[in-house]
Amino acid sequence: MFGGICFTLNGNMLCGTMKDGDAMFRVGPEQEAEALARPEARRMDFTGRPMKGFVIVAAEKLASDAAILEWIATATRFVGALPPKQKK
C-alpha cells in the first residue's frame, strides 16, 4: 500500500514498513498529538493531506527492539479497541 508491508489486527491497519525503511503506526486521533510531540515521529502525509491518527517514525529511531515494541504497543492500544473488520 505504501511501498512496504502492512500489518493488521482484526482486519484493521496497525503498522507497516515504508520503502525507505521508516515505519508507519496507527496511533488514533486522540493520541496523535502526543505521538507527534516525540522527536522521532512526523505526520503521515503523502499527498499534502495528512492521514489523521497515523504517524511515521524514522528508521534510525527504531534501532532497538524496545523502541519498536513501544510504538507497536501504542498502536495496539488504539487498533485493539476498534471493532473487527467484516470480510467482504
Protein backbone atom coordinates (compact mmCIF):
# COMPACT_ATOMS: atom_id res chain seq x y z
CA MET A 1 0.00 0.00 0.00
CA PHE A 2 2.77 2.45 0.90
CA GLY A 3 5.60 0.66 -0.88
CA GLY A 4 6.19 -1.65 2.08
CA ILE A 5 4.49 -4.26 4.23
CA CYS A 6 1.36 -3.54 6.27
CA PHE A 7 0.30 -5.40 9.40
CA THR A 8 -3.30 -5.59 10.61
CA LEU A 9 -5.07 -6.52 13.82
CA ASN A 10 -8.57 -7.96 13.40
CA GLY A 11 -8.53 -6.61 9.84
CA ASN A 12 -7.67 -3.04 10.90
CA MET A 13 -4.39 -1.43 9.83
CA LEU A 14 -1.94 -1.41 12.75
CA CYS A 15 1.52 -0.58 11.42
CA GLY A 16 3.73 -1.03 8.44
CA THR A 17 7.10 -0.57 6.87
CA MET A 18 7.87 2.02 4.23
CA LYS A 19 10.12 1.54 1.22
CA ASP A 20 12.65 3.99 2.70
CA GLY A 21 12.91 1.98 5.93
CA ASP A 22 10.73 4.23 8.07
CA ALA A 23 7.66 2.77 9.77
CA MET A 24 4.02 3.83 9.97
CA PHE A 25 1.95 3.40 13.14
CA ARG A 26 -1.78 3.93 13.61
CA VAL A 27 -2.00 5.65 16.98
CA GLY A 28 -5.52 7.07 16.65
CA PRO A 29 -6.70 10.66 16.52
CA GLU A 30 -6.75 11.05 20.32
CA GLN A 31 -3.07 10.05 20.67
CA GLU A 32 -1.79 11.72 17.52
CA ALA A 33 -0.68 15.00 19.15
CA GLU A 34 1.13 13.12 21.93
CA ALA A 35 2.85 10.86 19.38
CA LEU A 36 3.85 13.83 17.20
CA ALA A 37 5.39 15.54 20.23
CA ARG A 38 8.06 12.84 20.20
CA PRO A 39 11.09 13.92 18.14
CA GLU A 40 11.26 10.70 16.13
CA ALA A 41 7.68 10.97 14.82
CA ARG A 42 6.24 13.02 12.00
CA ARG A 43 2.83 13.43 10.44
CA MET A 44 1.85 10.85 7.83
CA ASP A 45 1.36 12.96 4.73
CA PHE A 46 1.97 11.64 1.23
CA THR A 47 -0.34 13.83 -0.81
CA GLY A 48 -0.44 17.13 1.07
CA ARG A 49 -3.39 15.82 3.07
CA PRO A 50 -2.33 14.28 6.42
CA MET A 51 -3.84 10.96 7.47
CA LYS A 52 -5.40 11.53 10.89
CA GLY A 53 -4.31 9.15 13.59
CA PHE A 54 -1.22 7.92 11.73
CA VAL A 55 2.43 8.81 12.31
CA ILE A 56 5.69 7.90 10.63
CA VAL A 57 8.74 7.08 12.72
CA ALA A 58 12.23 7.41 11.27
CA ALA A 59 14.03 4.10 10.73
CA GLU A 60 17.12 5.17 12.67
CA LYS A 61 14.94 5.76 15.75
CA LEU A 62 13.70 2.16 15.60
CA ALA A 63 17.11 0.54 16.01
CA SER A 64 16.23 -1.27 19.25
CA ASP A 65 13.57 -3.88 19.91
CA ALA A 66 12.36 -1.76 22.85
CA ALA A 67 11.70 1.24 20.60
CA ILE A 68 9.79 -0.85 18.07
CA LEU A 69 7.75 -2.59 20.77
CA GLU A 70 6.85 0.73 22.39
CA TRP A 71 5.38 2.05 19.12
CA ILE A 72 3.60 -1.25 18.42
CA ALA A 73 2.07 -1.14 21.91
CA THR A 74 0.85 2.42 21.32
CA ALA A 75 -0.75 1.40 18.03
CA THR A 76 -2.23 -1.77 19.55
CA ARG A 77 -3.97 0.19 22.31
CA PHE A 78 -5.91 2.11 19.66
CA VAL A 79 -6.41 -0.55 16.99
CA GLY A 80 -7.21 -3.28 19.52
CA ALA A 81 -10.21 -1.24 20.70
CA LEU A 82 -11.66 -1.00 17.18
CA PRO A 83 -14.35 -3.45 16.07
CA PRO A 84 -13.08 -6.23 13.81
CA LYS A 85 -13.41 -5.52 10.08
CA GLN A 86 -16.05 -7.59 8.36
CA LYS A 87 -14.76 -9.67 5.45
CA LYS A 88 -16.11 -8.54 2.11
